[in-house]
Protein backbone atom coordinates (compact mmCIF):
# COMPACT_ATOMS: atom_id res chain seq x y z
CA UNK A 1 0.00 0.00 0.00
CA UNK A 2 2.36 2.71 -1.29
CA UNK A 3 0.07 5.19 -2.97
CA UNK A 4 -2.46 7.75 -1.86
CA UNK A 5 -4.41 5.36 0.40
CA UNK A 6 -1.23 4.76 2.40
CA UNK A 7 -0.59 8.48 2.75
CA UNK A 8 -4.11 9.34 3.83
CA UNK A 9 -4.17 6.46 6.31
CA UNK A 10 -0.90 7.62 7.85
CA UNK A 11 -2.32 11.09 8.46
CA UNK A 12 -5.61 9.79 9.79
CA UNK A 13 -3.73 7.49 12.11
CA UNK A 14 -2.23 10.33 14.11
CA UNK A 15 -0.23 12.52 11.77
CA UNK A 16 3.10 10.95 12.63
CA UNK A 17 4.28 11.01 9.02
CA UNK A 18 5.77 14.24 7.68
CA UNK A 19 4.90 15.33 4.18
CA UNK A 20 6.01 17.98 1.76
CA UNK A 21 9.55 19.27 1.53
CA UNK A 22 9.62 21.17 4.82
CA UNK A 23 8.08 18.49 7.05
CA UNK A 24 4.63 20.06 7.06
CA UNK A 25 2.24 17.72 8.88
CA UNK A 26 -0.67 19.39 7.10
CA UNK A 27 0.71 18.87 3.58
CA UNK A 28 -1.05 15.67 2.51
CA UNK A 29 -1.07 16.13 -1.25
CA UNK A 30 1.56 13.51 -2.16
CA UNK A 31 2.03 12.49 -4.90
CA UNK A 32 2.59 15.74 -6.80
CA UNK A 33 0.07 16.73 -9.45
CA UNK A 34 0.48 18.61 -12.73
CA UNK A 35 -0.13 22.32 -12.27
CA UNK A 36 1.09 25.83 -13.07
CA UNK A 37 4.75 26.65 -12.53
CA UNK A 38 5.53 29.27 -9.88
CA UNK A 39 7.67 30.91 -12.60
CA UNK A 40 5.00 31.04 -15.29
CA UNK A 41 5.07 29.58 -18.77
CA UNK A 42 8.20 28.86 -20.80
CA UNK A 43 9.24 31.47 -23.36
CA UNK A 44 10.61 30.86 -26.85
CA UNK A 45 14.03 29.20 -27.05
CA UNK A 46 16.98 31.54 -26.53
CA UNK A 47 20.21 31.59 -28.54
CA UNK A 48 21.37 28.45 -26.70
CA UNK A 49 18.20 26.57 -27.60
CA UNK A 50 16.78 26.68 -24.07
CA UNK A 51 13.22 27.65 -23.22
CA UNK A 52 13.11 29.49 -19.89
CA UNK A 53 10.57 31.44 -17.83
CA UNK A 54 10.40 35.19 -18.17
CA UNK A 55 13.40 36.92 -16.58
CA UNK A 56 15.83 33.97 -16.80
CA UNK A 57 18.88 33.71 -19.04
CA UNK A 58 21.28 30.90 -19.98
CA UNK A 59 24.92 30.67 -20.99
CA UNK A 60 27.20 27.84 -22.07
CA UNK A 61 29.96 27.19 -19.53
CA UNK A 62 31.83 24.34 -21.22
CA UNK A 63 31.69 21.86 -24.10
CA UNK A 64 33.07 18.33 -24.08
CA UNK A 65 36.45 17.86 -25.84
CA UNK A 66 36.91 21.65 -25.97
CA UNK A 67 38.92 23.99 -23.79
CA UNK A 68 36.86 25.61 -21.04
CA UNK A 69 36.77 29.31 -22.01
CA UNK A 70 39.26 31.31 -19.96
CA UNK A 71 41.33 28.22 -19.07
CA UNK A 72 43.63 25.71 -20.73
CA UNK A 73 41.63 22.71 -19.48
CA UNK A 74 39.74 20.44 -21.90
CA UNK A 75 36.28 19.60 -20.56
CA UNK A 76 35.44 15.91 -20.17
CA UNK A 77 32.98 13.93 -22.27
CA UNK A 78 29.56 12.71 -21.12
CA UNK A 79 29.15 15.14 -18.19
CA UNK A 80 26.83 13.74 -15.55
CA UNK A 81 26.19 14.32 -11.82
CA UNK A 82 27.39 17.54 -10.24
CA UNK A 83 27.44 19.82 -7.21
CA UNK A 84 28.57 23.30 -6.15
CA UNK A 85 30.90 24.36 -3.33
CA UNK A 86 31.66 27.72 -1.77
CA UNK A 87 35.17 28.96 -2.57
CA UNK A 88 35.98 32.20 -0.80
CA UNK A 89 33.75 34.80 -2.43
CA UNK A 90 33.22 32.53 -5.44
CA UNK A 91 32.29 28.90 -5.94
CA UNK A 92 33.22 25.65 -7.69
CA UNK A 93 31.06 23.40 -9.87
CA UNK A 94 32.06 19.72 -9.96
CA UNK A 95 30.95 17.37 -12.76
CA UNK A 96 31.31 13.61 -13.29
CA UNK A 97 32.30 11.95 -16.57
CA UNK A 98 30.15 8.93 -17.43
CA UNK A 99 32.78 7.29 -19.64
CA UNK A 100 33.82 3.64 -19.52
CA UNK A 101 37.12 1.80 -20.00
CA UNK A 102 38.79 3.78 -17.21
CA UNK A 103 38.15 7.04 -19.09
CA UNK A 104 35.74 8.34 -16.47
CA UNK A 105 36.37 10.57 -13.49
CA UNK A 106 35.39 14.10 -12.47
CA UNK A 107 36.40 17.69 -13.20
CA UNK A 108 35.80 21.08 -11.61
CA UNK A 109 35.27 24.66 -12.78
CA UNK A 110 36.10 27.58 -10.49
CA UNK A 111 34.14 30.87 -10.55
CA UNK A 112 34.82 34.23 -8.92
CA UNK A 113 32.21 36.31 -7.09
CA UNK A 114 30.98 37.77 -10.40
CA UNK A 115 30.46 34.34 -11.93
CA UNK A 116 33.48 34.56 -14.25
CA UNK A 117 35.36 31.32 -14.89
CA UNK A 118 38.82 31.51 -13.33
CA UNK A 119 40.02 27.93 -13.64
CA UNK A 120 39.22 24.31 -14.49
CA UNK A 121 40.97 21.07 -13.54
CA UNK A 122 40.66 17.30 -13.05
CA UNK A 123 39.89 15.87 -9.59
CA UNK A 124 39.45 12.15 -10.46
CA UNK A 125 40.83 9.98 -13.26
CA UNK A 126 41.00 6.34 -14.35
CA UNK A 127 37.55 5.26 -13.15
CA UNK A 128 34.48 3.88 -14.93
CA UNK A 129 31.11 5.42 -15.73
CA UNK A 130 31.05 8.04 -13.00
CA UNK A 131 27.37 8.78 -13.13
CA UNK A 132 25.89 10.62 -10.16
CA UNK A 133 27.22 11.07 -6.64
CA UNK A 134 26.77 13.57 -3.85
CA UNK A 135 28.33 16.35 -1.82
CA UNK A 136 29.40 15.86 1.81
CA UNK A 137 29.08 18.37 4.67
CA UNK A 138 32.90 18.36 4.91
CA UNK A 139 33.09 19.67 1.33
CA UNK A 140 34.16 16.62 -0.62
CA UNK A 141 32.50 15.11 -3.69
CA UNK A 142 31.45 11.45 -3.72
CA UNK A 143 31.79 10.22 -7.30
CA UNK A 144 29.97 6.94 -7.92
CA UNK A 145 30.75 4.27 -10.51
CA UNK A 146 27.70 2.98 -12.36
CA UNK A 147 29.12 -0.46 -13.13
CA UNK A 148 28.72 -3.93 -11.62
CA UNK A 149 30.59 -3.90 -8.29
CA UNK A 150 31.49 -0.26 -8.79
CA UNK A 151 33.11 1.87 -6.11
CA UNK A 152 32.50 5.25 -4.50
CA UNK A 153 35.44 7.66 -4.76
CA UNK A 154 35.81 10.59 -2.39
CA UNK A 155 37.33 13.55 -4.21
CA UNK A 156 38.49 17.08 -3.41
CA UNK A 157 36.57 19.77 -5.35
CA UNK A 158 39.37 22.24 -4.57
CA UNK A 159 41.95 20.11 -6.38
CA UNK A 160 44.38 19.80 -3.47
CA UNK A 161 43.98 16.31 -2.03
CA UNK A 162 44.07 13.09 -4.08
CA UNK A 163 40.91 11.06 -4.62
CA UNK A 164 40.31 8.11 -2.26
CA UNK A 165 38.45 4.90 -3.09
CA UNK A 166 36.03 4.26 -0.23
CA UNK A 167 35.52 0.50 -0.49
CA UNK A 168 33.63 0.29 2.81
CA UNK A 169 30.67 1.99 1.11
CA UNK A 170 30.03 -1.18 -0.86
CA UNK A 171 30.56 -2.47 -4.36
CA UNK A 172 27.48 -2.37 -6.56
CA UNK A 173 26.00 -0.47 -9.50
CA UNK A 174 26.25 2.87 -7.70
CA UNK A 175 24.25 5.90 -8.76
CA UNK A 176 23.78 8.70 -6.23
CA UNK A 177 24.74 9.54 -2.65
CA UNK A 178 22.95 11.89 -0.24
CA UNK A 179 24.37 12.81 3.16
CA UNK A 180 22.11 12.94 6.21
CA UNK A 181 24.06 14.91 8.86
CA UNK A 182 21.25 14.52 11.39
CA UNK A 183 21.57 10.75 11.62
CA UNK A 184 25.18 10.76 10.36
CA UNK A 185 24.51 8.37 7.49
CA UNK A 186 24.81 8.48 3.70
CA UNK A 187 21.98 7.18 1.51
CA UNK A 188 22.92 5.37 -1.70
CA UNK A 189 20.86 4.45 -4.77
CA UNK A 190 21.47 1.51 -7.10
CA UNK A 191 20.85 1.57 -10.85
CA UNK A 192 19.37 -1.89 -11.32
CA UNK A 193 15.83 -2.91 -12.24
CA UNK A 194 15.81 -4.91 -8.98
CA UNK A 195 18.02 -2.45 -7.12
CA UNK A 196 17.94 -1.47 -3.48
CA UNK A 197 18.15 1.64 -1.33
CA UNK A 198 21.13 1.65 1.02
CA UNK A 199 22.65 3.70 3.76
CA UNK A 200 26.27 3.77 4.88
CA UNK A 201 26.89 4.35 8.58
CA UNK A 202 30.49 5.57 9.06
CA UNK A 203 32.24 4.51 12.24
CA UNK A 204 33.29 8.16 12.57
CA UNK A 205 31.26 10.86 10.84
CA UNK A 206 33.50 12.57 8.30
CA UNK A 207 35.69 9.48 7.80
CA UNK A 208 34.34 7.08 5.18
CA UNK A 209 37.14 4.53 5.39
CA UNK A 210 35.26 2.40 7.91
CA UNK A 211 31.61 1.77 8.61
CA UNK A 212 28.57 -0.41 8.01
CA UNK A 213 26.58 -0.79 4.79
CA UNK A 214 22.87 -1.36 5.37
CA UNK A 215 19.95 -2.05 3.05
CA UNK A 216 16.31 -0.99 3.47
CA UNK A 217 14.07 -3.97 4.21
CA UNK A 218 10.29 -4.09 4.18
CA UNK A 219 8.18 -6.78 5.84
CA UNK A 220 4.43 -6.31 6.21
CA UNK A 221 4.74 -2.62 5.44
CA UNK A 222 7.28 -2.05 8.22
CA UNK A 223 10.71 -0.72 7.26
CA UNK A 224 14.02 -1.57 8.87
CA UNK A 225 17.71 -1.18 8.08
CA UNK A 226 19.65 -4.44 7.94
CA UNK A 227 23.41 -4.91 7.66
CA UNK A 228 24.66 -6.19 4.30
CA UNK A 229 26.78 -9.26 5.17
CA UNK A 230 29.29 -8.78 2.33
CA UNK A 231 29.45 -5.15 1.13
CA UNK A 232 32.04 -6.17 -1.49
CA UNK A 233 29.47 -8.37 -3.19
CA UNK A 234 32.19 -10.91 -3.88
CA UNK A 235 29.98 -13.91 -4.66
CA UNK A 236 26.44 -12.60 -4.13
CA UNK A 237 25.53 -9.09 -5.20
CA UNK A 238 24.61 -6.75 -2.34
CA UNK A 239 21.00 -6.39 -3.47
CA UNK A 240 20.44 -10.15 -3.13
CA UNK A 241 22.02 -10.78 0.25
CA UNK A 242 19.17 -9.74 2.56
CA UNK A 243 15.79 -11.46 2.32
CA UNK A 244 12.96 -8.94 2.17
CA UNK A 245 15.14 -6.07 0.94
CA UNK A 246 12.83 -3.49 -0.65
CA UNK A 247 13.24 -3.39 -4.43
CA UNK A 248 13.39 -0.16 -6.45
CA UNK A 249 13.27 -0.06 -10.24
CA UNK A 250 16.39 1.74 -11.40
CA UNK A 251 17.61 4.09 -8.67
CA UNK A 252 18.92 7.44 -9.89
CA UNK A 253 19.39 10.82 -8.20
CA UNK A 254 19.17 11.50 -4.45
CA UNK A 255 18.83 14.66 -2.37
CA UNK A 256 18.48 15.06 1.41
CA UNK A 257 16.68 17.92 3.14
CA UNK A 258 15.09 18.43 6.56
CA UNK A 259 14.76 14.78 7.55
CA UNK A 260 13.73 13.50 4.13
CA UNK A 261 15.80 11.83 1.42
CA UNK A 262 14.21 12.26 -2.00
CA UNK A 263 15.36 9.87 -4.71
CA UNK A 264 14.25 8.89 -8.19
CA UNK A 265 13.64 5.57 -9.95
CA UNK A 266 13.70 5.62 -13.73
CA UNK A 267 12.05 2.22 -14.30
CA UNK A 268 8.68 3.43 -12.97
CA UNK A 269 9.28 7.19 -13.29
CA UNK A 270 8.85 7.98 -9.62
CA UNK A 271 10.25 10.37 -7.06
CA UNK A 272 10.34 8.78 -3.61
CA UNK A 273 10.44 10.47 -0.21
CA UNK A 274 12.10 8.51 2.57
CA UNK A 275 11.18 10.12 5.89
CA UNK A 276 14.19 9.33 8.06
CA UNK A 277 12.53 10.74 11.18
CA UNK A 278 9.55 8.35 11.07
CA UNK A 279 11.30 5.63 9.03
CA UNK A 280 8.54 5.64 6.41
CA UNK A 281 8.51 5.99 2.64
CA UNK A 282 6.07 7.61 0.23
CA UNK A 283 5.76 8.37 -3.46
CA UNK A 284 6.32 12.09 -4.01
CA UNK A 285 5.69 11.85 -7.77
CA UNK A 286 4.50 9.18 -10.20
CA UNK A 287 3.73 9.99 -13.84
CA UNK A 288 0.86 7.48 -13.75
CA UNK A 289 -0.85 9.40 -10.97
CA UNK A 290 -1.35 12.77 -12.66
CA UNK A 291 -2.90 13.94 -15.90
CA UNK A 292 -0.63 15.12 -18.71
CA UNK A 293 2.54 14.44 -16.68
CA UNK A 294 5.28 16.97 -17.49
CA UNK A 295 8.05 14.92 -15.86
CA UNK A 296 9.15 11.74 -17.61
CA UNK A 297 12.50 9.96 -17.50
CA UNK A 298 13.36 11.07 -13.95
CA UNK A 299 17.08 11.34 -13.23
CA UNK A 300 19.32 13.72 -11.22
CA UNK A 301 17.65 16.09 -8.78
CA UNK A 302 18.49 18.91 -6.42
CA UNK A 303 16.64 21.31 -4.17
CA UNK A 304 16.37 25.02 -3.49
CA UNK A 305 16.36 26.63 -0.06
CA UNK A 306 12.71 27.56 -0.43
CA UNK A 307 11.81 23.86 -0.64
CA UNK A 308 11.40 23.34 -4.38
CA UNK A 309 12.84 20.20 -5.97
CA UNK A 310 14.36 20.42 -9.45
CA UNK A 311 14.28 17.08 -11.30
CA UNK A 312 16.16 16.54 -14.57
CA UNK A 313 14.95 14.29 -17.35
CA UNK A 314 16.86 11.49 -19.03
CA UNK A 315 15.08 11.69 -22.35
CA UNK A 316 11.47 12.78 -22.06
CA UNK A 317 11.32 16.16 -23.73
CA UNK A 318 14.58 17.32 -22.14
CA UNK A 319 13.12 19.34 -19.31
CA UNK A 320 14.07 20.21 -15.78
CA UNK A 321 10.83 20.18 -13.83
CA UNK A 322 10.08 21.81 -10.50
CA UNK A 323 8.11 20.09 -7.74
CA UNK A 324 6.91 22.63 -5.20
CA UNK A 325 6.30 22.15 -1.45
CA UNK A 326 2.61 22.36 -2.36
CA UNK A 327 3.13 19.20 -4.45
CA UNK A 328 2.67 20.78 -7.86
CA UNK A 329 4.91 19.63 -10.73
CA UNK A 330 5.61 21.79 -13.78
CA UNK A 331 8.37 22.43 -16.35
CA UNK A 332 11.04 24.91 -15.31
CA UNK A 333 13.08 24.79 -18.54
CA UNK A 334 13.29 22.81 -21.77
CA UNK A 335 16.31 22.15 -24.01
CA UNK A 336 15.34 22.02 -27.67
CA UNK A 337 16.80 20.00 -30.56
CA UNK A 338 18.70 17.60 -28.29
CA UNK A 339 16.35 14.61 -28.18
CA UNK A 340 19.23 12.09 -28.13
CA UNK A 341 20.65 13.47 -24.89
CA UNK A 342 19.77 13.65 -21.20
CA UNK A 343 20.00 16.36 -18.55
CA UNK A 344 22.43 15.77 -15.67
CA UNK A 345 24.23 17.44 -12.82
CA UNK A 346 21.60 19.92 -11.62
CA UNK A 347 23.10 22.04 -8.82
CA UNK A 348 22.70 25.53 -7.39
CA UNK A 349 25.59 27.82 -6.53
CA UNK A 350 25.83 28.68 -2.80
CA UNK A 351 23.78 31.86 -3.21
CA UNK A 352 21.01 29.94 -4.96
CA UNK A 353 20.74 32.37 -7.89
CA UNK A 354 22.54 30.28 -10.53
CA UNK A 355 21.62 26.76 -11.61
CA UNK A 356 24.17 24.50 -13.32
CA UNK A 357 23.44 21.40 -15.38
CA UNK A 358 24.67 19.49 -18.42
CA UNK A 359 23.19 18.02 -21.57
CA UNK A 360 25.24 14.83 -21.59
CA UNK A 361 25.35 14.29 -25.37
CA UNK A 362 24.28 17.71 -26.65
CA UNK A 363 23.12 18.11 -30.22
CA UNK A 364 25.39 15.36 -31.58
CA UNK A 365 23.97 12.52 -29.49
CA UNK A 366 27.49 11.36 -28.61
CA UNK A 367 29.54 11.57 -25.41
CA UNK A 368 31.89 14.04 -27.09
CA UNK A 369 29.03 16.48 -27.61
CA UNK A 370 28.23 17.26 -23.97
CA UNK A 371 27.34 20.84 -23.01
CA UNK A 372 27.40 22.33 -19.50
CA UNK A 373 25.10 25.29 -18.88
CA UNK A 374 24.33 27.96 -16.31
CA UNK A 375 20.90 29.55 -15.81
CA UNK A 376 20.60 32.83 -13.93
CA UNK A 377 17.42 34.55 -12.87
CA UNK A 378 14.93 35.40 -10.14
CA UNK A 379 14.79 32.05 -8.36
CA UNK A 380 12.24 32.45 -5.62
CA UNK A 381 13.37 32.73 -2.01
CA UNK A 382 9.94 32.56 -0.37
CA UNK A 383 6.63 30.83 -1.02
C-alpha cells in the first residue's frame, strides 16, 4: 500500500508522518500533481536553444572535448552528476564523466564572485562510468561508478587532495549519494531494475574509510535497516544478500533535506520520499498518478532553499521540472533540438541564484558532444 491510500491512512492514524519538503504535517497532497509553474510559462528558445521562464537567461559554460573558455583545461565527455561548493567569495562546480574503460572521473570549474570562470581542472581519473554522486558536509565530492561492483570515490573539489576509493561503502552499481548529517549516514541508490536503497553508517562521521553498509528492508509494510553481510558483493551481489530487501526499479538521483531523502527511480518514473525521522517511505511523484505528466525519464535532482525540488529528465522532452512544497509539478526549462541526450548534474551555486546542469550528449547525441550550462534569474526565495 504505497500510494495515496497509504498516505491518507498515515495522516488519519495520528499525523506521525511528515509530508512535503519542509516536514509540514498538514501537507497531505503527495504524490505531486500537474499544475502551473511558480515561474510562469516557458518562453521561446533563446540563442542556446533553451526555453526558460520570463526573466531567466542561460549561458554555455563548457563543451566536451573543448577547452573551457578562460582556461587551458579540456572539458570531459559525457558530463553527468554535479554539485557546487563555496570557494571564498566565489564557488566551484564539480561534474562527473560517465565514460567507460577507465576514461571516467570528475572535473571542476572555479568561478569568482561575479560568476566569471577563473580555472578548471581534473579531480578524479581512471575510473568507470562516473554517473551521479553527492556532496558531503565536509566539502568533498562522492563520485559513484555505475558499473557492476562499482566503487564510491571521495574527491576534493578544490583540487588539493588526491581522490580516495572508499571500499567500505560497498561495491554495486552505484548511482547517487545523499548525506544525512542529522543521523550521520549516507543514503545510496542503485541503478538496477531490482536495485535497493542503502545507507552507509560511518564509524566516525566525516571518515568514510570504515563503517557499516545497510539495506532498506520491508516486511508487512514495516521498514528496517539491515546490515549487508558482504558489502564487497564478492559472490552474491549486495541487493540479493538480505531477504525482504525493498526493491526499487532503477535508482537514480538522491537529495536530502530536513529529515527526508528524495530519490528517483527511472524504471517506474517515480520520485520517492524517505522520511528518516519516522522511518517511512512515500511516493512524491509518479507519472501514472497525474494527468498530462510533465516529468518523464526522472534522473538527477536537487533542491532550493525555499523547498522546491528540481528534477532533470533522461530523455522525455529534455526538461528540468520543478516540484513545489505544495506538491505541484511543472516544467522549469526545456532544451530544444537535443532529443538524443539527457539532462544531468543539476546544482545551485551557494547563493542559490545560478543553476548549473549538463546536456550529456548535446546536439550530436554522442559523449563528445556534452554541453554544460548555467541559468541565472529570479529564483524564488519565499513561497
